[in-house]
Amino acid sequence: MLTDTLLEDPRWQAAGLEALAERAACAALSHLSLDPERFEIAVLACDDARIAELNGDFRAKPKPTNVLSWPSVERDPEEPPEGGEDGMPEELGDIAIAWETCAREAAEQGKPLDHHITHLMVHATLHLLGYDHISDAEATVMETLETEILGKMGIEDPYS
């Protein structure tokens, strides 16, 4: 499996996060012609309190957010990783996702929770691969990829 999920908050199990994370991350890598079997991503399924702590520790923003990602190394999206060798997957990095913020955002946006979770997992996976949205040009590239990946998964454009 590409993703290894730690469920700190039991609500994530009921939402099917493990399967959603695996499907989303595999779809993102496959879309970029990367073999998911050659990589590994750690996923922390937590609550708002935990992600606020992480956001404070790593970004000096001690408040909840929907998803955070930490690439194992700084990557350039123009130079995709090759994947592990000798049967050992390459670690792409870690993702943390917060229950309350995700559930609230999905409700506010009138989206199915599983679609919103899938979008956030695709988004975070792209971050692990070096994609970002700091500039308008970067945001356009990243949002276009997200829309294409989600479209192949039968999920509407999250930006429309």
Protein backbone atom coordinates (compact mmCIF):
# COMPACT_ATOMS: atom_id res chain seq x y z
CA MET A 1 0.00 0.00 0.00
CA LEU A 2 1.07 3.54 -0.76
CA THR A 3 -0.44 5.07 2.38
CA ASP A 4 0.08 4.10 6.00
CA THR A 5 -2.65 5.72 8.09
CA LEU A 6 -2.65 6.33 11.84
CA LEU A 7 -6.17 6.99 13.11
CA GLU A 8 -5.95 9.25 16.17
CA ASP A 9 -9.61 10.24 15.90
CA PRO A 10 -12.12 7.38 15.50
CA ARG A 11 -14.47 9.48 13.35
CA TRP A 12 -12.01 9.00 10.50
CA GLN A 13 -12.57 5.26 10.53
CA ALA A 14 -16.31 5.74 10.06
CA ALA A 15 -15.57 8.13 7.18
CA GLY A 16 -13.40 5.49 5.48
CA LEU A 17 -10.27 7.64 5.45
CA GLU A 18 -7.83 4.77 4.95
CA ALA A 19 -9.46 3.76 1.66
CA LEU A 20 -10.03 7.37 0.56
CA ALA A 21 -6.40 8.33 1.27
CA GLU A 22 -5.06 5.31 -0.60
CA ARG A 23 -7.30 5.89 -3.61
CA ALA A 24 -6.54 9.63 -3.76
CA ALA A 25 -2.78 9.28 -3.38
CA CYS A 26 -2.64 6.47 -5.95
CA ALA A 27 -4.71 8.52 -8.39
CA ALA A 28 -2.40 11.53 -7.99
CA LEU A 29 0.76 9.51 -8.56
CA SER A 30 -0.71 7.53 -11.45
CA HIS A 31 -1.87 10.75 -13.13
CA LEU A 32 1.75 11.92 -13.04
CA SER A 33 2.96 8.56 -14.45
CA LEU A 34 4.49 7.51 -11.11
CA ASP A 35 4.10 3.93 -9.89
CA PRO A 36 2.34 4.05 -6.48
CA GLU A 37 3.96 0.75 -5.48
CA ARG A 38 7.36 2.48 -5.43
CA PHE A 39 6.39 5.09 -2.84
CA GLU A 40 5.06 5.50 0.70
CA ILE A 41 3.10 8.25 2.45
CA ALA A 42 2.33 8.43 6.19
CA VAL A 43 -1.11 9.85 7.02
CA LEU A 44 -2.15 11.13 10.44
CA ALA A 45 -5.93 11.28 10.87
CA CYS A 46 -6.44 13.67 13.76
CA ASP A 47 -8.73 16.32 15.20
CA ASP A 48 -8.57 20.11 15.14
CA ALA A 49 -6.72 20.34 18.46
CA ARG A 50 -3.90 18.12 17.21
CA ILE A 51 -3.58 19.82 13.84
CA ALA A 52 -3.58 23.25 15.53
CA GLU A 53 -0.63 22.06 17.61
CA LEU A 54 1.18 20.82 14.50
CA ASN A 55 0.36 23.98 12.59
CA GLY A 56 1.77 26.03 15.46
CA ASP A 57 4.90 23.93 15.76
CA PHE A 58 5.73 23.80 12.06
CA ARG A 59 4.18 26.94 10.56
CA ALA A 60 3.90 29.29 13.57
CA LYS A 61 0.12 29.37 13.00
CA PRO A 62 -1.40 27.79 16.14
CA LYS A 63 -4.87 27.32 14.71
CA PRO A 64 -6.69 24.46 13.02
CA THR A 65 -6.39 23.90 9.29
CA ASN A 66 -7.79 21.19 7.05
CA VAL A 67 -4.60 19.43 5.94
CA LEU A 68 -0.85 19.74 6.37
CA SER A 69 1.94 18.04 4.46
CA TRP A 70 5.64 17.54 5.06
CA PRO A 71 7.69 16.31 2.10
CA SER A 72 10.54 13.99 3.09
CA VAL A 73 12.84 16.12 0.90
CA GLU A 74 12.34 19.30 -1.09
CA ARG A 75 11.21 18.31 -4.56
CA ASP A 76 10.88 20.06 -7.89
CA PRO A 77 7.66 19.05 -9.67
CA GLU A 78 9.59 19.21 -12.94
CA GLU A 79 11.89 16.42 -11.67
CA PRO A 80 9.62 13.63 -10.40
CA PRO A 81 11.01 11.14 -7.89
CA GLU A 82 12.02 7.75 -9.22
CA GLY A 83 10.75 5.63 -6.39
CA GLY A 84 12.46 3.21 -4.10
CA GLU A 85 14.76 0.43 -5.16
CA ASP A 86 15.22 -3.19 -4.09
CA GLY A 87 11.58 -3.51 -3.08
CA MET A 88 11.80 -0.65 -0.57
CA PRO A 89 9.42 2.24 -1.32
CA GLU A 90 10.65 5.83 -1.33
CA GLU A 91 9.11 7.89 1.46
CA LEU A 92 7.37 10.90 -0.06
CA GLY A 93 6.49 12.42 3.31
CA ASP A 94 3.73 12.87 5.85
CA ILE A 95 0.20 14.24 5.72
CA ALA A 96 -2.04 15.26 8.65
CA ILE A 97 -5.76 15.83 8.17
CA ALA A 98 -8.20 17.29 10.74
CA TRP A 99 -11.71 15.96 11.26
CA GLU A 100 -13.68 19.00 12.43
CA THR A 101 -12.28 21.40 9.83
CA CYS A 102 -12.81 18.93 6.97
CA ALA A 103 -16.36 18.09 8.04
CA ARG A 104 -17.24 21.77 8.51
CA GLU A 105 -15.79 22.78 5.13
CA ALA A 106 -17.64 20.00 3.31
CA ALA A 107 -20.92 21.04 4.94
CA GLU A 108 -20.36 24.76 4.23
CA GLN A 109 -19.51 24.02 0.59
CA GLY A 110 -22.41 21.58 0.16
CA LYS A 111 -20.04 18.78 -0.89
CA PRO A 112 -20.10 15.12 0.08
CA LEU A 113 -17.56 14.59 2.86
CA ASP A 114 -15.80 11.80 0.96
CA HIS A 115 -15.30 14.08 -2.06
CA HIS A 116 -13.81 16.84 0.09
CA ILE A 117 -11.51 14.41 1.89
CA THR A 118 -10.39 12.97 -1.45
CA HIS A 119 -9.66 16.46 -2.77
CA LEU A 120 -7.59 17.34 0.30
CA MET A 121 -5.62 14.10 0.02
CA VAL A 122 -4.89 14.72 -3.68
CA HIS A 123 -3.88 18.29 -2.81
CA ALA A 124 -1.54 17.17 -0.01
CA THR A 125 -0.01 14.43 -2.18
CA LEU A 126 0.81 17.01 -4.84
CA HIS A 127 2.51 19.11 -2.15
CA LEU A 128 4.68 16.10 -1.29
CA LEU A 129 5.73 16.00 -4.94
CA GLY A 130 6.84 19.64 -4.94
CA TYR A 131 3.71 21.37 -6.23
CA ASP A 132 2.63 24.56 -4.49
CA HIS A 133 0.20 27.44 -4.81
CA ILE A 134 2.20 30.39 -3.53
CA SER A 135 2.11 32.27 -6.84
CA ASP A 136 -0.88 32.54 -9.17
CA ALA A 137 0.97 30.54 -11.83
CA GLU A 138 1.77 27.73 -9.37
CA ALA A 139 -1.81 27.75 -8.11
CA THR A 140 -3.13 27.41 -11.66
CA VAL A 141 -0.90 24.40 -12.34
CA MET A 142 -1.79 22.72 -9.06
CA GLU A 143 -5.53 23.38 -9.31
CA THR A 144 -5.59 22.13 -12.90
CA LEU A 145 -3.90 18.89 -11.84
CA GLU A 146 -6.29 18.47 -8.91
CA THR A 147 -9.31 19.01 -11.16
CA GLU A 148 -8.00 16.49 -13.73
CA ILE A 149 -7.23 13.85 -11.10
CA LEU A 150 -10.54 14.28 -9.32
CA GLY A 151 -12.41 14.26 -12.63
CA LYS A 152 -10.94 10.86 -13.44
CA MET A 153 -12.21 9.74 -10.03
CA GLY A 154 -15.73 10.96 -10.79
CA ILE A 155 -15.51 13.98 -8.46
CA GLU A 156 -16.60 17.43 -9.61
CA ASP A 157 -14.18 20.34 -9.94
CA PRO A 158 -13.71 21.60 -6.37
CA TYR A 159 -12.92 25.09 -7.65
CA SER A 160 -16.07 25.65 -9.72
